[in-house]
Protein backbone atom coordinates (compact mmCIF):
# COMPACT_ATOMS: atom_id res chain seq x y z
CA MET A 1 -57.04 -5.91 -45.43
CA ILE A 2 -58.87 -8.80 -47.07
CA VAL A 3 -57.06 -10.64 -49.87
CA THR A 4 -59.50 -12.62 -51.97
CA GLY A 5 -58.65 -15.98 -53.48
CA SER A 6 -57.10 -15.87 -56.92
CA VAL A 7 -54.18 -17.43 -58.71
CA LEU A 8 -52.44 -14.05 -58.93
CA ALA A 9 -52.79 -13.43 -55.20
CA LEU A 10 -51.30 -16.86 -54.51
CA VAL A 11 -48.43 -16.59 -57.01
CA HIS A 12 -47.52 -13.06 -55.90
CA ARG A 13 -48.28 -13.50 -52.21
CA ASP A 14 -44.89 -12.10 -51.15
CA LEU A 15 -45.71 -8.87 -52.98
CA ILE A 16 -48.81 -8.60 -50.81
CA ILE A 17 -47.59 -10.01 -47.48
CA TRP A 18 -44.37 -8.02 -47.03
CA PRO A 19 -45.79 -4.54 -47.82
CA ALA A 20 -48.76 -5.31 -45.56
CA ALA A 21 -46.36 -6.22 -42.73
CA ARG A 22 -44.15 -3.18 -43.40
CA HIS A 23 -47.19 -0.88 -43.11
CA ARG A 24 -48.54 -2.89 -40.14
CA LEU A 25 -51.77 -3.83 -41.93
CA PRO A 26 -53.54 -6.87 -40.51
CA ALA A 27 -54.55 -9.02 -43.47
CA VAL A 28 -56.82 -12.03 -43.91
CA TYR A 29 -56.08 -14.33 -46.83
CA SER A 30 -58.17 -17.04 -48.43
CA GLN A 31 -55.43 -19.67 -48.57
CA GLN A 32 -53.38 -21.31 -45.84
CA LEU A 33 -50.20 -21.03 -47.92
CA SER A 34 -50.21 -17.26 -47.40
CA VAL A 35 -50.19 -17.74 -43.63
CA LEU A 36 -47.34 -20.24 -43.90
CA SER A 37 -45.49 -17.46 -45.79
CA SER A 38 -45.88 -15.08 -42.80
CA GLY A 39 -49.38 -13.77 -43.46
CA LEU A 40 -51.52 -13.03 -40.40
CA MET A 41 -54.49 -15.35 -40.91
CA SER A 42 -56.51 -17.17 -43.52
CA TYR A 43 -60.04 -18.40 -43.77
CA GLY A 44 -60.94 -20.45 -46.80
CA PRO A 45 -61.93 -23.79 -48.22
CA ASN A 46 -60.15 -26.92 -47.06
CA PHE A 47 -58.58 -28.05 -50.34
CA VAL A 48 -57.76 -31.54 -49.09
CA ASP A 49 -61.46 -32.17 -48.50
CA SER A 50 -62.32 -30.72 -51.92
CA PHE A 51 -59.78 -32.99 -53.62
CA ARG A 52 -61.18 -36.04 -51.83
CA ARG A 53 -64.66 -35.21 -53.05
CA ALA A 54 -63.31 -34.62 -56.57
CA ALA A 55 -61.78 -38.10 -56.50
CA ALA A 56 -65.23 -39.54 -55.79
CA TYR A 57 -66.55 -37.69 -58.83
CA ILE A 58 -63.76 -39.06 -61.00
CA ASP A 59 -64.59 -42.56 -59.78
CA ARG A 60 -68.23 -42.07 -60.78
CA ILE A 61 -67.21 -40.78 -64.23
CA LEU A 62 -64.86 -43.72 -64.79
CA LYS A 63 -67.73 -46.05 -63.90
CA GLY A 64 -69.80 -44.53 -66.71
CA GLU A 65 -71.83 -41.75 -65.13
CA LYS A 66 -72.21 -38.68 -67.32
CA PRO A 67 -70.58 -35.53 -65.85
CA ALA A 68 -73.49 -33.39 -67.09
CA SER A 69 -75.88 -35.33 -64.84
CA MET A 70 -73.78 -34.79 -61.71
CA PRO A 71 -74.55 -31.81 -59.44
CA ILE A 72 -72.03 -29.03 -58.97
CA GLN A 73 -70.47 -29.11 -55.53
CA MET A 74 -69.26 -26.20 -53.47
CA PRO A 75 -66.74 -26.44 -50.63
CA THR A 76 -68.30 -27.68 -47.42
CA LYS A 77 -65.32 -27.47 -45.05
CA TYR A 78 -63.47 -24.26 -44.32
CA GLN A 79 -60.41 -23.74 -42.18
CA LEU A 80 -59.11 -20.88 -40.06
CA VAL A 81 -55.33 -20.59 -39.72
CA ILE A 82 -53.64 -17.97 -37.51
CA ASN A 83 -49.96 -17.02 -37.44
CA LEU A 84 -49.13 -15.78 -33.93
CA LYS A 85 -45.57 -14.83 -34.94
CA THR A 86 -46.94 -12.35 -37.46
CA ALA A 87 -49.51 -11.08 -34.95
CA LYS A 88 -46.69 -10.36 -32.51
CA VAL A 89 -44.69 -8.50 -35.17
CA LEU A 90 -47.78 -6.41 -35.98
CA GLY A 91 -48.33 -5.73 -32.27
CA LEU A 92 -51.66 -7.55 -32.19
CA ASP A 93 -53.09 -9.77 -29.48
CA VAL A 94 -55.16 -12.59 -30.92
CA PRO A 95 -58.01 -13.36 -28.49
CA ALA A 96 -57.81 -16.77 -26.85
CA HIS A 97 -61.28 -17.78 -28.05
CA LEU A 98 -60.21 -17.11 -31.66
CA GLN A 99 -57.12 -19.28 -31.16
CA GLN A 100 -59.31 -22.05 -29.71
CA ILE A 101 -61.65 -22.20 -32.70
CA ALA A 102 -58.80 -22.03 -35.25
CA ASP A 103 -58.01 -25.20 -37.16
CA GLU A 104 -54.29 -24.41 -36.98
CA VAL A 105 -52.26 -21.93 -34.95
CA ILE A 106 -48.67 -21.21 -35.97
CA GLU A 107 -46.57 -20.14 -33.00
């Protein structure tokens, strides 16, 4: 199951995570917080990096640059987070190469 990024999915993540686990559905989320709440894995933008880049934009605005003249930026860094505890509960083996490329592995 793929859970797309939205405020509702984040706020009601327990209503998604627990039924998915009960029905043994592997799920991929867009936010790390879902994995920290016992979701299987997430792949999405690195918000810390996005906030750092936003701070640079705020600095430019405070120095007088017009926001309308600044280009729109999209996330450039993404992170993969895997929860091995949840994988074990679901009876899944996460391949070693996937664990090696993950940015964070929860054991």
